[in-house]
Structures are given as structure tokens and as C-alpha cells.
Amino acid sequence: MQTGLLWFDSDPNRGLVAKIEDAARRYREKFGQTPDTCYINSSVLAVVGAPNVVSNMAVRVIPATNILPNHFWVGVEGL
């Protein structure tokens, strides 16, 4: 993914799925296209149960070491 939207959400009271959904919604609003990929910090998926929660999402969630915690880089793979 060459371009995308970098979303920040550090609210400890919100779940991971809600944060990703908000980032995807904002991407759709801004670019008029539904994102299919979300890169997040690898340590976020290390939380017990997180891989199972995000595996059922429409957006593919990919752990990455170059994404800061509480940041979500959403976009369309291949663009």
C-alpha cells in the first residue's frame, strides 16, 4: 500500500474493532472508496484474543513494526 489514511485513537475505553471501523469509515468519507487493509502495531495483536477478533473483519488487519501504537494506517492494497 503506497498511500492511505493514518488514523490515531488512544482511547483506552474503546475496543480495537471500533477503532479500526472508525478509521475505515473516515477513509470512505474522505476518498469515496472502501479500504481493504489496515496496518497496526504488532504489539496490539499480541493481546490475548485480538487475532480472533480482527480475523472476522471486512478489512484485513496486518501487524507491522513500523506503525506506532494507537495508529491505524488504512487504505486499498495495491494503490
C-alpha atoms as a PDB file:
ATOM      1  CA  MET A   1       0.000   0.000   0.000  1.00  0.00           C
ATOM      2  CA  GLN A   2       1.620   3.238  -1.127  1.00  0.00           C
ATOM      3  CA  THR A   3      -0.970   5.716   0.167  1.00  0.00           C
ATOM      4  CA  GLY A   4      -3.635   5.624   2.816  1.00  0.00           C
ATOM      5  CA  LEU A   5      -5.097   7.386   5.813  1.00  0.00           C
ATOM      6  CA  LEU A   6      -3.238   7.407   9.116  1.00  0.00           C
ATOM      7  CA  TRP A   7      -5.727   7.324  11.983  1.00  0.00           C
ATOM      8  CA  PHE A   8      -4.902   7.890  15.660  1.00  0.00           C
ATOM      9  CA  ASP A   9      -7.052   6.661  18.546  1.00  0.00           C
ATOM     10  CA  SER A  10      -5.566   6.288  22.017  1.00  0.00           C
ATOM     11  CA  ASP A  11      -8.853   5.931  23.937  1.00  0.00           C
ATOM     12  CA  PRO A  12      -8.298   3.005  26.345  1.00  0.00           C
ATOM     13  CA  ASN A  13     -12.062   2.538  26.745  1.00  0.00           C
ATOM     14  CA  ARG A  14     -12.646   1.722  23.065  1.00  0.00           C
ATOM     15  CA  GLY A  15     -12.055  -1.689  21.581  1.00  0.00           C
ATOM     16  CA  LEU A  16      -9.746  -2.499  18.705  1.00  0.00           C
ATOM     17  CA  VAL A  17     -12.594  -3.312  16.314  1.00  0.00           C
ATOM     18  CA  ALA A  18     -14.314   0.032  16.971  1.00  0.00           C
ATOM     19  CA  LYS A  19     -11.079   1.901  16.319  1.00  0.00           C
ATOM     20  CA  ILE A  20     -10.488   0.105  13.018  1.00  0.00           C
ATOM     21  CA  GLU A  21     -14.100   0.639  11.963  1.00  0.00           C
ATOM     22  CA  ASP A  22     -13.811   4.382  12.683  1.00  0.00           C
ATOM     23  CA  ALA A  23     -10.630   4.611  10.643  1.00  0.00           C
ATOM     24  CA  ALA A  24     -12.261   2.735   7.749  1.00  0.00           C
ATOM     25  CA  ARG A  25     -15.359   4.936   7.918  1.00  0.00           C
ATOM     26  CA  ARG A  26     -13.241   8.097   7.742  1.00  0.00           C
ATOM     27  CA  TYR A  27     -11.314   6.682   4.787  1.00  0.00           C
ATOM     28  CA  ARG A  28     -14.605   6.057   2.945  1.00  0.00           C
ATOM     29  CA  GLU A  29     -15.793   9.600   3.740  1.00  0.00           C
ATOM     30  CA  LYS A  30     -12.561  11.187   2.564  1.00  0.00           C
ATOM     31  CA  PHE A  31     -11.754   9.086  -0.508  1.00  0.00           C
ATOM     32  CA  GLY A  32     -15.141   7.622  -1.538  1.00  0.00           C
ATOM     33  CA  GLN A  33     -13.762   4.103  -1.536  1.00  0.00           C
ATOM     34  CA  THR A  34     -13.886   1.295   0.993  1.00  0.00           C
ATOM     35  CA  PRO A  35     -10.476   0.320   2.390  1.00  0.00           C
ATOM     36  CA  ASP A  36      -9.492  -3.326   2.382  1.00  0.00           C
ATOM     37  CA  THR A  37      -6.343  -3.176   4.537  1.00  0.00           C
ATOM     38  CA  CYS A  38      -5.373  -1.800   7.936  1.00  0.00           C
ATOM     39  CA  TYR A  39      -1.817  -1.882   9.255  1.00  0.00           C
ATOM     40  CA  ILE A  40      -1.441  -1.724  13.036  1.00  0.00           C
ATOM     41  CA  ASN A  41       1.410  -2.015  15.503  1.00  0.00           C
ATOM     42  CA  SER A  42       2.456  -5.625  16.015  1.00  0.00           C
ATOM     43  CA  SER A  43       2.182  -5.391  19.791  1.00  0.00           C
ATOM     44  CA  VAL A  44      -1.544  -4.646  19.530  1.00  0.00           C
ATOM     45  CA  LEU A  45      -2.208  -8.080  18.059  1.00  0.00           C
ATOM     46  CA  ALA A  46      -0.124  -9.678  20.786  1.00  0.00           C
ATOM     47  CA  VAL A  47      -3.000  -9.011  23.185  1.00  0.00           C
ATOM     48  CA  VAL A  48      -4.793 -12.233  24.048  1.00  0.00           C
ATOM     49  CA  GLY A  49      -7.790 -12.746  21.771  1.00  0.00           C
ATOM     50  CA  ALA A  50      -7.028  -9.865  19.400  1.00  0.00           C
ATOM     51  CA  PRO A  51      -6.175 -12.062  16.372  1.00  0.00           C
ATOM     52  CA  ASN A  52      -9.516 -13.857  16.679  1.00  0.00           C
ATOM     53  CA  VAL A  53     -11.464 -10.608  16.935  1.00  0.00           C
ATOM     54  CA  VAL A  54      -9.964  -8.997  13.841  1.00  0.00           C
ATOM     55  CA  SER A  55      -9.998 -12.142  11.702  1.00  0.00           C
ATOM     56  CA  ASN A  56     -13.736 -11.716  11.010  1.00  0.00           C
ATOM     57  CA  MET A  57     -13.497  -8.095   9.842  1.00  0.00           C
ATOM     58  CA  ALA A  58     -14.081  -6.928   6.267  1.00  0.00           C
ATOM     59  CA  VAL A  59     -10.793  -5.038   6.471  1.00  0.00           C
ATOM     60  CA  ARG A  60      -7.684  -7.219   6.509  1.00  0.00           C
ATOM     61  CA  VAL A  61      -5.620  -6.344   9.588  1.00  0.00           C
ATOM     62  CA  ILE A  62      -1.859  -6.665   9.188  1.00  0.00           C
ATOM     63  CA  PRO A  63       0.637  -6.279  12.040  1.00  0.00           C
ATOM     64  CA  ALA A  64       3.599  -4.033  11.294  1.00  0.00           C
ATOM     65  CA  THR A  65       6.572  -2.937  13.359  1.00  0.00           C
ATOM     66  CA  ASN A  66       6.804   0.441  11.600  1.00  0.00           C
ATOM     67  CA  ILE A  67       3.349   1.606  12.769  1.00  0.00           C
ATOM     68  CA  LEU A  68       3.291   3.385  16.128  1.00  0.00           C
ATOM     69  CA  PRO A  69       0.945   2.149  18.873  1.00  0.00           C
ATOM     70  CA  ASN A  70      -2.562   3.662  18.696  1.00  0.00           C
ATOM     71  CA  HIS A  71      -2.108   4.398  14.977  1.00  0.00           C
ATOM     72  CA  PHE A  72      -4.007   2.715  12.147  1.00  0.00           C
ATOM     73  CA  TRP A  73      -2.948   3.016   8.508  1.00  0.00           C
ATOM     74  CA  VAL A  74      -5.943   2.166   6.325  1.00  0.00           C
ATOM     75  CA  GLY A  75      -6.216   2.042   2.566  1.00  0.00           C
ATOM     76  CA  VAL A  76      -6.581  -0.108  -0.505  1.00  0.00           C
ATOM     77  CA  GLU A  77      -3.822  -2.631  -1.109  1.00  0.00           C
ATOM     78  CA  GLY A  78      -2.162  -2.117  -4.461  1.00  0.00           C
ATOM     79  CA  LEU A  79      -2.831   1.618  -4.643  1.00  0.00           C
END
